[in-house]
Amino acid sequence: MLFDLTDLRLFIYIAELKSMTRAAERMHLSLGAASSRMKEMESRFGMRLLYRENKGVQLSPAGETLLRHAQQVMQQVERLKAEMQEYNNGIKGHIRIFANTTAVTEFMPQVLGRFLARHPQVNVALEERLNHDIVRGVQEGTADVGIAAGPVQAQGVHVINFSTDRLVLATAVGHPLAKAGKLSFAQTLDYPHIGLHEGSTLQHFLNRIVAETGQRLQLRIQVRGFEAMCRMVEADVGIGILPYSAALRLAATTQLALVELSEPWAVRERSVLVQRLESLPQYARDLVDEICSSTAHAGIGPT
């Protein structure tokens, strides 16, 4: 075997502390034993992993690659330990979900409420992530299920399209754009926007679209969710772009004008991502079914 978990943990400490001596102390090993472990690992890989210098220890390019994988392995080990401990506490299953902003804020609370009522011994971790992190998480196995919007093409990922939504422009009822039947995203850029926080999938997507056009998005304020966005829009602080499904729900409690965007990218396919559906535990497949059946009714735009 090329290494064991002790080797990996020691290597991570060496990289973090930039010191063989301090890493050995952290691991409760003698300096000689730590040095011997690293030399043995380099011998087994057949390449240098560390540069030992007077000012400390630096990683070689191969060492940088090993560090990235070692961190992933140790994260998986910690996750395994945590999940196994949960079985002692009565938990019989665990699902980790990476999802975009709309899923986290709009429909997953209701989906999980119904799912967990039927599966009380299943534990769910729901994390908001950007689309590329969602795809990578499913590919690498750090997420059991992903929920993404827009086109997804990735090796090792099974994509299940479950609904279609559309991005629309929300304005105050007296705003100059409120009466437009349809307009382009570029036509909105002359006006201040209300944006979502920087970690939002939607904000990241819109920032990329603007960057590709060479124009600038006037962000007057950034908020944590669609409800706060719509409150700001209603007060005519700015205009905002959000999914029609969210706008339709919030229009019941706010006075908004919804305007269709003309770009093809405004139509957003929503998808569940898994590695292999048949390899998931039955309770995880039940959750996928719940997501698909509960949200398939979402509309695609204003009428």
Protein backbone atom coordinates (compact mmCIF):
# COMPACT_ATOMS: atom_id res chain seq x y z
CA MET A 1 0.00 0.00 0.00
CA LEU A 2 1.30 3.51 -0.89
CA PHE A 3 0.21 5.12 2.38
CA ASP A 4 -2.11 4.86 5.38
CA LEU A 5 -4.31 7.44 7.10
CA THR A 6 -1.53 8.35 9.53
CA ASP A 7 0.73 9.19 6.58
CA LEU A 8 -1.94 11.38 5.02
CA ARG A 9 -2.73 13.22 8.26
CA LEU A 10 0.97 13.78 8.88
CA PHE A 11 1.47 15.07 5.34
CA ILE A 12 -1.44 17.52 5.73
CA TYR A 13 0.05 18.85 8.98
CA ILE A 14 3.46 19.27 7.32
CA ALA A 15 1.85 21.25 4.50
CA GLU A 16 -0.14 23.43 6.92
CA LEU A 17 2.67 24.05 9.42
CA LYS A 18 5.53 24.05 6.88
CA SER A 19 7.56 22.21 9.46
CA MET A 20 8.38 18.52 9.86
CA THR A 21 9.19 19.04 13.55
CA ARG A 22 5.91 20.78 14.42
CA ALA A 23 3.90 18.27 12.37
CA ALA A 24 5.58 15.39 14.20
CA GLU A 25 4.73 17.01 17.54
CA ARG A 26 1.11 17.45 16.45
CA MET A 27 0.96 13.73 15.57
CA HIS A 28 2.82 12.68 18.78
CA LEU A 29 5.59 11.13 16.67
CA SER A 30 9.33 11.49 16.98
CA LEU A 31 10.98 13.61 14.28
CA GLY A 32 12.83 10.53 13.05
CA ALA A 33 9.61 8.52 12.71
CA ALA A 34 7.86 11.35 10.85
CA SER A 35 10.79 11.84 8.50
CA SER A 36 10.98 8.10 7.87
CA ARG A 37 7.27 7.96 6.98
CA MET A 38 7.61 10.77 4.45
CA LYS A 39 10.73 9.26 2.86
CA GLU A 40 8.99 5.89 2.61
CA MET A 41 5.95 7.49 0.95
CA GLU A 42 8.18 9.32 -1.54
CA SER A 43 9.93 6.05 -2.29
CA ARG A 44 6.64 4.25 -2.91
CA PHE A 45 5.36 7.02 -5.20
CA GLY A 46 8.75 7.24 -6.90
CA MET A 47 8.88 11.04 -6.74
CA ARG A 48 9.75 13.92 -4.43
CA LEU A 49 6.83 15.26 -2.41
CA LEU A 50 8.67 17.68 -0.11
CA TYR A 51 11.54 20.13 -0.42
CA ARG A 52 13.39 20.27 2.91
CA GLU A 53 14.90 23.74 3.29
CA ASN A 54 16.52 25.72 6.11
CA LYS A 55 13.43 27.96 6.40
CA GLY A 56 11.05 25.01 6.54
CA VAL A 57 9.36 22.46 4.30
CA GLN A 58 7.81 23.27 0.93
CA LEU A 59 5.65 21.02 -1.25
CA SER A 60 6.74 19.94 -4.69
CA PRO A 61 4.19 20.09 -7.54
CA ALA A 62 3.50 16.39 -6.92
CA GLY A 63 3.12 17.19 -3.23
CA GLU A 64 0.53 19.86 -4.01
CA THR A 65 -1.49 17.25 -5.89
CA LEU A 66 -1.16 14.77 -3.06
CA LEU A 67 -2.26 17.43 -0.55
CA ARG A 68 -5.47 18.11 -2.46
CA HIS A 69 -6.38 14.44 -2.56
CA ALA A 70 -5.27 13.83 1.02
CA GLN A 71 -7.58 16.59 2.25
CA GLN A 72 -10.48 15.06 0.31
CA VAL A 73 -9.76 11.61 1.75
CA MET A 74 -9.60 12.92 5.31
CA GLN A 75 -12.81 14.87 4.83
CA GLN A 76 -14.48 11.66 3.67
CA VAL A 77 -13.08 9.81 6.69
CA GLU A 78 -14.44 12.46 9.07
CA ARG A 79 -17.79 12.33 7.32
CA LEU A 80 -17.80 8.53 7.63
CA LYS A 81 -17.05 8.74 11.37
CA ALA A 82 -19.80 11.31 11.91
CA GLU A 83 -22.38 9.33 9.97
CA MET A 84 -21.50 6.05 11.71
CA GLN A 85 -21.85 7.80 15.07
CA GLU A 86 -25.32 8.94 14.05
CA TYR A 87 -26.36 5.30 13.70
CA ASN A 88 -25.65 4.92 17.41
CA ASN A 89 -28.01 7.83 18.00
CA GLY A 90 -30.88 6.20 16.13
CA ILE A 91 -30.20 7.67 12.67
CA LYS A 92 -30.56 4.99 9.96
CA GLY A 93 -29.54 7.01 6.94
CA HIS A 94 -27.82 10.19 5.81
CA ILE A 95 -28.20 12.23 2.60
CA ARG A 96 -25.95 15.14 1.70
CA ILE A 97 -27.41 17.55 -0.89
CA PHE A 98 -25.65 20.34 -2.79
CA ALA A 99 -28.25 22.69 -4.30
CA ASN A 100 -28.60 26.06 -5.99
CA THR A 101 -30.19 29.14 -4.42
CA THR A 102 -33.70 28.57 -5.75
CA ALA A 103 -33.83 25.00 -4.48
CA VAL A 104 -32.54 25.92 -1.01
CA THR A 105 -34.85 28.87 -0.51
CA GLU A 106 -37.95 28.01 -2.53
CA PHE A 107 -38.96 24.37 -2.71
CA MET A 108 -36.60 22.19 -0.68
CA PRO A 109 -38.00 23.26 2.73
CA GLN A 110 -41.42 21.92 1.74
CA VAL A 111 -39.95 18.85 0.04
CA LEU A 112 -37.83 17.98 3.07
CA GLY A 113 -40.72 18.61 5.45
CA ARG A 114 -42.80 15.94 3.71
CA PHE A 115 -39.87 13.57 3.17
CA LEU A 116 -38.62 13.66 6.77
CA ALA A 117 -42.14 13.17 8.11
CA ARG A 118 -42.12 9.80 6.30
CA HIS A 119 -38.43 9.05 7.05
CA PRO A 120 -37.81 10.32 10.59
CA GLN A 121 -34.62 8.28 11.00
CA VAL A 122 -32.91 9.84 7.97
CA ASN A 123 -30.60 12.82 8.48
CA VAL A 124 -30.26 15.39 5.66
CA ALA A 125 -27.53 17.99 5.12
CA LEU A 126 -28.56 20.67 2.60
CA GLU A 127 -25.84 23.07 1.40
CA GLU A 128 -26.14 25.98 -1.04
CA ARG A 129 -23.43 25.71 -3.69
CA LEU A 130 -22.58 27.12 -7.12
CA ASN A 131 -23.47 24.96 -10.11
CA HIS A 132 -19.92 23.81 -10.86
CA ASP A 133 -19.44 22.86 -7.19
CA ILE A 134 -22.72 20.92 -7.28
CA VAL A 135 -21.59 18.93 -10.30
CA ARG A 136 -18.13 18.30 -8.86
CA GLY A 137 -19.59 17.27 -5.52
CA VAL A 138 -21.71 14.58 -7.17
CA GLN A 139 -18.80 13.45 -9.36
CA GLU A 140 -16.44 13.12 -6.41
CA GLY A 141 -19.04 11.61 -4.08
CA THR A 142 -18.97 14.43 -1.52
CA ALA A 143 -22.65 14.99 -2.31
CA ASP A 144 -25.19 12.19 -2.70
CA VAL A 145 -27.67 14.37 -4.59
CA GLY A 146 -27.27 17.65 -6.48
CA ILE A 147 -29.93 20.11 -7.60
CA ALA A 148 -28.91 22.51 -10.36
CA ALA A 149 -30.44 24.89 -12.90
CA GLY A 150 -29.39 25.31 -16.50
CA PRO A 151 -27.56 22.91 -18.82
CA VAL A 152 -25.48 20.22 -17.12
CA GLN A 153 -23.01 18.07 -19.03
CA ALA A 154 -20.53 16.11 -16.98
CA GLN A 155 -19.00 12.66 -17.02
CA GLY A 156 -20.07 10.31 -14.27
CA VAL A 157 -23.26 12.23 -13.49
CA HIS A 158 -26.81 11.08 -14.19
CA VAL A 159 -29.03 14.10 -14.93
CA ILE A 160 -32.77 13.95 -14.23
CA ASN A 161 -34.68 16.98 -15.56
CA PHE A 162 -37.71 17.51 -13.36
CA SER A 163 -39.10 20.98 -14.16
CA THR A 164 -38.62 24.18 -16.11
CA ASP A 165 -38.52 27.68 -14.69
CA ARG A 166 -37.84 31.08 -16.21
CA LEU A 167 -35.87 34.07 -14.98
CA VAL A 168 -37.96 37.23 -15.04
CA LEU A 169 -37.45 40.89 -14.21
CA ALA A 170 -39.30 42.26 -11.19
CA THR A 171 -39.90 45.99 -10.92
CA ALA A 172 -41.98 48.34 -8.80
CA VAL A 173 -45.41 48.92 -10.39
CA GLY A 174 -44.52 52.51 -11.25
CA HIS A 175 -41.08 51.77 -12.69
CA PRO A 176 -40.34 52.80 -16.32
CA LEU A 177 -39.83 49.13 -17.31
CA ALA A 178 -42.99 47.86 -15.60
CA LYS A 179 -45.12 48.10 -18.75
CA ALA A 180 -42.63 46.39 -21.08
CA GLY A 181 -44.07 43.17 -22.46
CA LYS A 182 -40.65 41.66 -23.02
CA LEU A 183 -37.13 43.05 -22.94
CA SER A 184 -33.53 41.95 -23.10
CA PHE A 185 -31.23 41.69 -20.12
CA ALA A 186 -29.07 44.43 -21.67
CA GLN A 187 -32.03 46.83 -21.49
CA THR A 188 -32.11 46.42 -17.70
CA LEU A 189 -28.49 47.43 -17.19
CA ASP A 190 -29.23 51.16 -17.26
CA TYR A 191 -31.07 50.75 -13.96
CA PRO A 192 -29.83 49.87 -10.44
CA HIS A 193 -30.31 46.19 -9.55
CA ILE A 194 -31.04 44.42 -6.32
CA GLY A 195 -28.76 41.38 -6.27
CA LEU A 196 -28.35 38.28 -4.16
CA HIS A 197 -25.34 37.60 -1.95
CA GLU A 198 -22.04 36.68 -3.63
CA GLY A 199 -22.36 32.98 -2.81
CA SER A 200 -25.63 32.75 -4.73
CA THR A 201 -25.79 30.56 -7.83
CA LEU A 202 -28.08 33.04 -9.58
CA GLN A 203 -25.89 36.06 -8.81
CA HIS A 204 -22.82 34.20 -10.00
CA PHE A 205 -24.64 33.34 -13.25
CA LEU A 206 -25.77 36.93 -13.87
CA ASN A 207 -22.30 38.30 -13.11
CA ARG A 208 -20.87 35.94 -15.71
CA ILE A 209 -23.45 36.99 -18.31
CA VAL A 210 -22.65 40.66 -17.73
CA ALA A 211 -18.89 40.01 -17.90
CA GLU A 212 -19.30 38.24 -21.24
CA THR A 213 -21.09 41.29 -22.72
CA GLY A 214 -18.45 43.71 -21.47
CA GLN A 215 -21.08 45.75 -19.66
CA ARG A 216 -21.55 46.50 -15.97
CA LEU A 217 -24.26 45.51 -13.51
CA GLN A 218 -25.22 48.38 -11.20
CA LEU A 219 -25.70 46.58 -7.90
CA ARG A 220 -27.34 49.02 -5.52
CA ILE A 221 -27.69 46.48 -2.73
CA GLN A 222 -27.25 42.73 -2.21
CA VAL A 223 -29.59 40.68 -0.02
CA ARG A 224 -29.78 37.12 1.31
CA GLY A 225 -32.94 35.90 -0.40
CA PHE A 226 -35.74 36.46 -2.89
CA GLU A 227 -38.18 37.78 -0.29
CA ALA A 228 -35.79 40.57 0.72
CA MET A 229 -35.13 41.27 -2.97
CA CYS A 230 -38.84 41.67 -3.70
CA ARG A 231 -39.33 43.96 -0.70
CA MET A 232 -36.57 46.20 -2.03
CA VAL A 233 -38.03 46.10 -5.54
CA GLU A 234 -41.51 46.95 -4.24
CA ALA A 235 -40.01 50.01 -2.50
CA ASP A 236 -38.42 51.01 -5.84
CA VAL A 237 -34.88 50.71 -4.47
CA GLY A 238 -33.96 48.88 -7.67
CA ILE A 239 -35.02 46.13 -10.05
CA GLY A 240 -34.28 42.43 -9.63
CA ILE A 241 -34.01 39.22 -11.62
CA LEU A 242 -35.35 36.05 -10.04
CA PRO A 243 -37.05 32.78 -11.01
CA TYR A 244 -40.69 33.10 -12.00
CA SER A 245 -41.71 30.45 -9.47
CA ALA A 246 -40.27 32.58 -6.65
CA ALA A 247 -41.68 35.81 -8.08
CA LEU A 248 -45.15 34.29 -8.40
CA ARG A 249 -45.14 33.18 -4.77
CA LEU A 250 -43.90 36.54 -3.49
CA ALA A 251 -46.25 38.56 -5.71
CA ALA A 252 -49.05 37.44 -3.38
CA THR A 253 -47.60 39.60 -0.58
CA THR A 254 -45.82 42.33 -2.56
CA GLN A 255 -46.86 44.64 -5.36
CA LEU A 256 -44.58 43.84 -8.28
CA ALA A 257 -44.57 44.04 -12.04
CA LEU A 258 -43.08 40.96 -13.74
CA VAL A 259 -41.48 41.36 -17.16
CA GLU A 260 -40.32 38.52 -19.41
CA LEU A 261 -36.67 38.37 -20.50
CA SER A 262 -36.05 37.59 -24.16
CA GLU A 263 -32.75 35.68 -23.87
CA PRO A 264 -32.84 31.90 -24.38
CA TRP A 265 -30.80 31.44 -21.19
CA ALA A 266 -33.72 32.88 -19.19
CA VAL A 267 -35.45 29.48 -19.52
CA ARG A 268 -33.82 27.26 -16.91
CA GLU A 269 -34.11 23.48 -16.80
CA ARG A 270 -33.97 22.24 -13.21
CA SER A 271 -32.25 18.92 -12.66
CA VAL A 272 -31.45 16.39 -9.98
CA LEU A 273 -27.90 15.03 -10.25
CA VAL A 274 -26.70 11.67 -8.93
CA GLN A 275 -23.87 9.33 -9.80
CA ARG A 276 -26.08 6.26 -10.28
CA LEU A 277 -29.70 6.31 -9.19
CA GLU A 278 -29.84 2.54 -8.71
CA SER A 279 -26.84 2.68 -6.36
CA LEU A 280 -28.53 5.06 -3.92
CA PRO A 281 -30.22 3.68 -0.80
CA GLN A 282 -33.99 3.39 -1.13
CA TYR A 283 -34.60 6.37 1.15
CA ALA A 284 -32.39 8.56 -1.10
CA ARG A 285 -34.30 7.40 -4.16
CA ASP A 286 -37.51 8.28 -2.31
CA LEU A 287 -36.16 11.81 -1.84
CA VAL A 288 -35.35 12.11 -5.56
CA ASP A 289 -38.91 11.00 -6.34
CA GLU A 290 -40.27 13.57 -3.89
CA ILE A 291 -38.25 16.37 -5.51
CA CYS A 292 -39.35 15.44 -9.00
CA SER A 293 -43.03 14.94 -8.20
CA SER A 294 -43.38 17.99 -5.97
CA THR A 295 -41.89 20.58 -8.30
CA ALA A 296 -42.85 19.39 -11.77
CA HIS A 297 -45.75 21.85 -11.81
CA ALA A 298 -43.53 24.97 -11.81
CA GLY A 299 -44.46 27.44 -14.55
CA ILE A 300 -42.04 28.82 -17.11
CA GLY A 301 -42.99 32.47 -17.16
CA PRO A 302 -45.51 35.25 -16.80
CA THR A 303 -48.68 35.22 -18.85
